[in-house]
Amino acid sequence: PHERLKLYDACAELLVEGWDAARHLDRSAYLTHDDKVEILQSVAFQMQNEGGGIGGNMISEKLLKTVLSSALKDRNIPNPGVVAEKIIGDLIERDFMLCSVGDEQCAFVHRTFLEYFCAKEYKNVVEKPDGRLELIQLFKTRWTDDDWHEVLRLICAMVGPDLAGALIKELLSAG
């Protein structure tokens, strides 16, 4: 358990490397490794914050396509809607990162990936000018929600001991 962040990093690395989105893009545009990670972070962030079924690990195919299309458009990928549909199909049928759960809903195959990519997205918050305050607010509002416990633990592991200590100290003083 103490090294689970390293395990999640390694597993996510394998899945991201296996995700061959390039075959749906023309040769002048492609997704880098970092693009793929950022896209998965956006999807996980959306899912966790929507709070839909099964503790947030569900997203409508329509919203998933919107999130992917937006990320592809931001990267100047031609025909982002068409490419997003193809990527969704691959993530479900070929890469096994997502699965269809019926009723036009998708989920990460394992909730761990949702939590991991969501925590990575929140770790990026630290880079913003008010990022530390935003994370403190996140911890204050979400610490009582069981569906957020692992995300908060992973954020602590990712931001380092000083900021993690400050986040925990803030919770203890609020509790």
C-alpha atoms as a PDB file:
ATOM      1  CA  PRO A   1       0.000   0.000   0.000  1.00  0.00           C
ATOM      2  CA  HIS A   2       2.836   2.458   0.714  1.00  0.00           C
ATOM      3  CA  GLU A   3       4.163   2.091  -2.839  1.00  0.00           C
ATOM      4  CA  ARG A   4       0.812   2.018  -4.656  1.00  0.00           C
ATOM      5  CA  LEU A   5       1.479   5.326  -6.392  1.00  0.00           C
ATOM      6  CA  LYS A   6       4.490   3.725  -8.102  1.00  0.00           C
ATOM      7  CA  LEU A   7       2.331   0.750  -9.077  1.00  0.00           C
ATOM      8  CA  TYR A   8      -0.388   3.026 -10.472  1.00  0.00           C
ATOM      9  CA  ASP A   9       2.238   5.044 -12.375  1.00  0.00           C
ATOM     10  CA  ALA A  10       3.582   1.860 -13.973  1.00  0.00           C
ATOM     11  CA  CYS A  11       0.136   0.491 -14.858  1.00  0.00           C
ATOM     12  CA  ALA A  12      -1.034   3.813 -16.266  1.00  0.00           C
ATOM     13  CA  GLU A  13       2.178   4.069 -18.287  1.00  0.00           C
ATOM     14  CA  LEU A  14       1.498   0.676 -19.888  1.00  0.00           C
ATOM     15  CA  LEU A  15      -2.087   1.594 -20.724  1.00  0.00           C
ATOM     16  CA  VAL A  16      -1.183   4.995 -22.134  1.00  0.00           C
ATOM     17  CA  GLU A  17       1.603   3.537 -24.257  1.00  0.00           C
ATOM     18  CA  GLY A  18      -0.812   0.907 -25.556  1.00  0.00           C
ATOM     19  CA  TRP A  19      -3.331   3.566 -26.547  1.00  0.00           C
ATOM     20  CA  ASP A  20      -2.637   4.021 -30.239  1.00  0.00           C
ATOM     21  CA  ALA A  21      -4.775   7.039 -31.086  1.00  0.00           C
ATOM     22  CA  ALA A  22      -2.398   7.990 -33.885  1.00  0.00           C
ATOM     23  CA  ARG A  23      -4.003   5.601 -36.342  1.00  0.00           C
ATOM     24  CA  HIS A  24      -7.086   7.853 -36.433  1.00  0.00           C
ATOM     25  CA  LEU A  25      -5.141  11.042 -37.078  1.00  0.00           C
ATOM     26  CA  ASP A  26      -3.571  12.311 -40.267  1.00  0.00           C
ATOM     27  CA  ARG A  27       0.211  12.252 -40.340  1.00  0.00           C
ATOM     28  CA  SER A  28       0.518  15.961 -39.612  1.00  0.00           C
ATOM     29  CA  ALA A  29      -1.250  15.670 -36.252  1.00  0.00           C
ATOM     30  CA  TYR A  30      -0.705  13.200 -33.460  1.00  0.00           C
ATOM     31  CA  LEU A  31      -1.147  12.826 -29.729  1.00  0.00           C
ATOM     32  CA  THR A  32       1.957  12.675 -27.597  1.00  0.00           C
ATOM     33  CA  HIS A  33       2.236  10.601 -24.460  1.00  0.00           C
ATOM     34  CA  ASP A  34       1.567  13.739 -22.400  1.00  0.00           C
ATOM     35  CA  ASP A  35      -1.501  14.571 -24.528  1.00  0.00           C
ATOM     36  CA  LYS A  36      -2.949  11.136 -23.805  1.00  0.00           C
ATOM     37  CA  VAL A  37      -2.331  11.466 -20.065  1.00  0.00           C
ATOM     38  CA  GLU A  38      -3.866  14.955 -20.004  1.00  0.00           C
ATOM     39  CA  ILE A  39      -6.921  13.715 -21.905  1.00  0.00           C
ATOM     40  CA  LEU A  40      -7.410  10.832 -19.470  1.00  0.00           C
ATOM     41  CA  GLN A  41      -6.975  13.277 -16.580  1.00  0.00           C
ATOM     42  CA  SER A  42      -9.726  15.472 -18.063  1.00  0.00           C
ATOM     43  CA  VAL A  43     -12.044  12.495 -18.451  1.00  0.00           C
ATOM     44  CA  ALA A  44     -11.376  11.301 -14.882  1.00  0.00           C
ATOM     45  CA  PHE A  45     -11.783  14.818 -13.471  1.00  0.00           C
ATOM     46  CA  GLN A  46     -15.130  15.184 -15.240  1.00  0.00           C
ATOM     47  CA  MET A  47     -16.317  11.776 -14.026  1.00  0.00           C
ATOM     48  CA  GLN A  48     -15.270  12.255 -10.405  1.00  0.00           C
ATOM     49  CA  ASN A  49     -16.759  15.740 -10.198  1.00  0.00           C
ATOM     50  CA  GLU A  50     -20.031  14.757 -11.871  1.00  0.00           C
ATOM     51  CA  GLY A  51     -20.600  12.214  -9.093  1.00  0.00           C
ATOM     52  CA  GLY A  52     -22.659   9.944 -11.330  1.00  0.00           C
ATOM     53  CA  GLY A  53     -23.328   6.290 -10.641  1.00  0.00           C
ATOM     54  CA  ILE A  54     -20.962   3.924  -8.846  1.00  0.00           C
ATOM     55  CA  GLY A  55     -19.182   6.636  -6.941  1.00  0.00           C
ATOM     56  CA  GLY A  56     -18.468   8.771  -9.987  1.00  0.00           C
ATOM     57  CA  ASN A  57     -16.986   6.068 -12.198  1.00  0.00           C
ATOM     58  CA  MET A  58     -19.529   6.613 -14.939  1.00  0.00           C
ATOM     59  CA  ILE A  59     -19.879   9.083 -17.771  1.00  0.00           C
ATOM     60  CA  SER A  60     -22.371   9.288 -20.590  1.00  0.00           C
ATOM     61  CA  GLU A  61     -20.960   8.497 -24.004  1.00  0.00           C
ATOM     62  CA  LYS A  62     -22.210  11.914 -25.126  1.00  0.00           C
ATOM     63  CA  LEU A  63     -20.299  13.771 -22.381  1.00  0.00           C
ATOM     64  CA  LEU A  64     -17.234  11.574 -22.945  1.00  0.00           C
ATOM     65  CA  LYS A  65     -17.286  12.502 -26.635  1.00  0.00           C
ATOM     66  CA  THR A  66     -17.613  16.197 -25.682  1.00  0.00           C
ATOM     67  CA  VAL A  67     -14.631  16.015 -23.300  1.00  0.00           C
ATOM     68  CA  LEU A  68     -12.496  14.158 -25.858  1.00  0.00           C
ATOM     69  CA  SER A  69     -13.549  16.438 -28.738  1.00  0.00           C
ATOM     70  CA  SER A  70     -12.662  19.522 -26.712  1.00  0.00           C
ATOM     71  CA  ALA A  71      -9.246  18.102 -25.808  1.00  0.00           C
ATOM     72  CA  LEU A  72      -8.577  17.167 -29.437  1.00  0.00           C
ATOM     73  CA  LYS A  73      -9.733  20.558 -30.677  1.00  0.00           C
ATOM     74  CA  ASP A  74      -7.370  22.244 -28.164  1.00  0.00           C
ATOM     75  CA  ARG A  75      -4.556  20.243 -29.782  1.00  0.00           C
ATOM     76  CA  ASN A  76      -5.593  21.297 -33.320  1.00  0.00           C
ATOM     77  CA  ILE A  77      -6.573  17.772 -34.324  1.00  0.00           C
ATOM     78  CA  PRO A  78      -8.697  17.847 -37.511  1.00  0.00           C
ATOM     79  CA  ASN A  79     -12.271  16.472 -37.242  1.00  0.00           C
ATOM     80  CA  PRO A  80     -12.176  16.169 -33.423  1.00  0.00           C
ATOM     81  CA  GLY A  81     -15.717  14.755 -33.158  1.00  0.00           C
ATOM     82  CA  VAL A  82     -15.044  11.921 -35.586  1.00  0.00           C
ATOM     83  CA  VAL A  83     -11.668  11.162 -34.017  1.00  0.00           C
ATOM     84  CA  ALA A  84     -13.230  11.244 -30.517  1.00  0.00           C
ATOM     85  CA  GLU A  85     -15.764   8.581 -31.526  1.00  0.00           C
ATOM     86  CA  LYS A  86     -12.996   6.356 -32.875  1.00  0.00           C
ATOM     87  CA  ILE A  87     -10.875   6.869 -29.752  1.00  0.00           C
ATOM     88  CA  ILE A  88     -13.832   5.968 -27.511  1.00  0.00           C
ATOM     89  CA  GLY A  89     -14.285   2.760 -29.493  1.00  0.00           C
ATOM     90  CA  ASP A  90     -10.606   1.909 -29.136  1.00  0.00           C
ATOM     91  CA  LEU A  91     -10.461   2.736 -25.424  1.00  0.00           C
ATOM     92  CA  ILE A  92     -13.343   0.299 -24.910  1.00  0.00           C
ATOM     93  CA  GLU A  93     -12.772  -2.440 -27.484  1.00  0.00           C
ATOM     94  CA  ARG A  94      -9.022  -2.526 -28.022  1.00  0.00           C
ATOM     95  CA  ASP A  95      -7.196  -0.840 -25.151  1.00  0.00           C
ATOM     96  CA  PHE A  96      -9.577  -1.938 -22.359  1.00  0.00           C
ATOM     97  CA  MET A  97      -9.086   1.281 -20.407  1.00  0.00           C
ATOM     98  CA  LEU A  98     -12.801   2.090 -20.483  1.00  0.00           C
ATOM     99  CA  CYS A  99     -15.802  -0.177 -20.678  1.00  0.00           C
ATOM    100  CA  SER A 100     -19.381   0.246 -21.750  1.00  0.00           C
ATOM    101  CA  VAL A 101     -21.736  -0.318 -18.815  1.00  0.00           C
ATOM    102  CA  GLY A 102     -24.974  -0.069 -20.786  1.00  0.00           C
ATOM    103  CA  ASP A 103     -27.512   2.685 -21.282  1.00  0.00           C
ATOM    104  CA  GLU A 104     -24.916   4.683 -23.264  1.00  0.00           C
ATOM    105  CA  GLN A 105     -22.655   4.993 -20.198  1.00  0.00           C
ATOM    106  CA  CYS A 106     -18.929   4.319 -19.918  1.00  0.00           C
ATOM    107  CA  ALA A 107     -16.617   3.748 -16.964  1.00  0.00           C
ATOM    108  CA  PHE A 108     -12.939   3.134 -16.342  1.00  0.00           C
ATOM    109  CA  VAL A 109     -12.377  -0.620 -16.293  1.00  0.00           C
ATOM    110  CA  HIS A 110     -11.086  -0.213 -12.763  1.00  0.00           C
ATOM    111  CA  ARG A 111     -11.938   2.664 -10.452  1.00  0.00           C
ATOM    112  CA  THR A 112      -8.252   2.909  -9.521  1.00  0.00           C
ATOM    113  CA  PHE A 113      -7.558   4.515 -12.908  1.00  0.00           C
ATOM    114  CA  LEU A 114     -10.296   7.078 -12.356  1.00  0.00           C
ATOM    115  CA  GLU A 115      -8.840   7.968  -8.952  1.00  0.00           C
ATOM    116  CA  TYR A 116      -5.263   8.035 -10.221  1.00  0.00           C
ATOM    117  CA  PHE A 117      -5.915  10.262 -13.249  1.00  0.00           C
ATOM    118  CA  CYS A 118      -8.225  12.535 -11.241  1.00  0.00           C
ATOM    119  CA  ALA A 119      -5.510  12.993  -8.580  1.00  0.00           C
ATOM    120  CA  LYS A 120      -2.974  13.797 -11.325  1.00  0.00           C
ATOM    121  CA  GLU A 121      -5.308  16.490 -12.631  1.00  0.00           C
ATOM    122  CA  TYR A 122      -5.648  17.986  -9.145  1.00  0.00           C
ATOM    123  CA  LYS A 123      -1.874  17.828  -8.658  1.00  0.00           C
ATOM    124  CA  ASN A 124      -1.632  20.265 -11.570  1.00  0.00           C
ATOM    125  CA  VAL A 125      -3.739  22.703  -9.536  1.00  0.00           C
ATOM    126  CA  VAL A 126      -0.669  23.352  -7.377  1.00  0.00           C
ATOM    127  CA  GLU A 127       0.947  25.100 -10.358  1.00  0.00           C
ATOM    128  CA  LYS A 128      -1.768  27.792 -10.396  1.00  0.00           C
ATOM    129  CA  PRO A 129      -1.390  30.996  -8.339  1.00  0.00           C
ATOM    130  CA  ASP A 130      -4.163  30.067  -5.875  1.00  0.00           C
ATOM    131  CA  GLY A 131      -3.617  26.328  -6.291  1.00  0.00           C
ATOM    132  CA  ARG A 132      -2.703  25.642  -2.681  1.00  0.00           C
ATOM    133  CA  LEU A 133      -5.914  27.333  -1.479  1.00  0.00           C
ATOM    134  CA  GLU A 134      -7.931  25.431  -4.075  1.00  0.00           C
ATOM    135  CA  LEU A 135      -6.525  22.114  -2.835  1.00  0.00           C
ATOM    136  CA  ILE A 136      -7.213  23.053   0.784  1.00  0.00           C
ATOM    137  CA  GLN A 137     -10.810  23.844  -0.187  1.00  0.00           C
ATOM    138  CA  LEU A 138     -11.084  20.526  -2.038  1.00  0.00           C
ATOM    139  CA  PHE A 139      -9.897  18.649   1.045  1.00  0.00           C
ATOM    140  CA  LYS A 140     -12.264  20.589   3.322  1.00  0.00           C
ATOM    141  CA  THR A 141     -15.296  19.839   1.144  1.00  0.00           C
ATOM    142  CA  ARG A 142     -14.523  16.266   0.091  1.00  0.00           C
ATOM    143  CA  TRP A 143     -12.843  14.568   3.063  1.00  0.00           C
ATOM    144  CA  THR A 144     -16.148  13.215   4.412  1.00  0.00           C
ATOM    145  CA  ASP A 145     -17.097  11.661   1.049  1.00  0.00           C
ATOM    146  CA  ASP A 146     -15.918   8.038   0.833  1.00  0.00           C
ATOM    147  CA  ASP A 147     -15.724   8.256  -2.964  1.00  0.00           C
ATOM    148  CA  TRP A 148     -12.981  10.886  -2.603  1.00  0.00           C
ATOM    149  CA  HIS A 149     -10.761   9.248   0.034  1.00  0.00           C
ATOM    150  CA  GLU A 150      -8.400   7.519  -2.393  1.00  0.00           C
ATOM    151  CA  VAL A 151      -8.209  10.584  -4.651  1.00  0.00           C
ATOM    152  CA  LEU A 152      -7.219  12.713  -1.652  1.00  0.00           C
ATOM    153  CA  ARG A 153      -4.639  10.130  -0.528  1.00  0.00           C
ATOM    154  CA  LEU A 154      -3.125  10.041  -4.000  1.00  0.00           C
ATOM    155  CA  ILE A 155      -3.006  13.835  -4.170  1.00  0.00           C
ATOM    156  CA  CYS A 156      -1.053  13.818  -0.895  1.00  0.00           C
ATOM    157  CA  ALA A 157       1.379  11.267  -2.313  1.00  0.00           C
ATOM    158  CA  MET A 158       1.819  13.343  -5.480  1.00  0.00           C
ATOM    159  CA  VAL A 159       2.278  16.819  -3.976  1.00  0.00           C
ATOM    160  CA  GLY A 160       5.012  15.851  -1.550  1.00  0.00           C
ATOM    161  CA  PRO A 161       5.256  15.811   2.236  1.00  0.00           C
ATOM    162  CA  ASP A 162       5.247  19.571   2.889  1.00  0.00           C
ATOM    163  CA  LEU A 163       2.014  20.369   1.070  1.00  0.00           C
ATOM    164  CA  ALA A 164       0.441  17.047   2.114  1.00  0.00           C
ATOM    165  CA  GLY A 165       1.243  17.899   5.734  1.00  0.00           C
ATOM    166  CA  ALA A 166      -0.356  21.332   5.331  1.00  0.00           C
ATOM    167  CA  LEU A 167      -3.488  19.781   3.785  1.00  0.00           C
ATOM    168  CA  ILE A 168      -3.809  17.241   6.601  1.00  0.00           C
ATOM    169  CA  LYS A 169      -3.117  19.876   9.249  1.00  0.00           C
ATOM    170  CA  GLU A 170      -5.898  22.024   7.769  1.00  0.00           C
ATOM    171  CA  LEU A 171      -8.313  19.099   8.018  1.00  0.00           C
ATOM    172  CA  LEU A 172      -7.333  18.396  11.610  1.00  0.00           C
ATOM    173  CA  SER A 173      -7.900  22.016  12.609  1.00  0.00           C
ATOM    174  CA  ALA A 174     -11.273  22.069  10.811  1.00  0.00           C
ATOM    175  CA  GLY A 175     -12.388  18.700  12.224  1.00  0.00           C
END
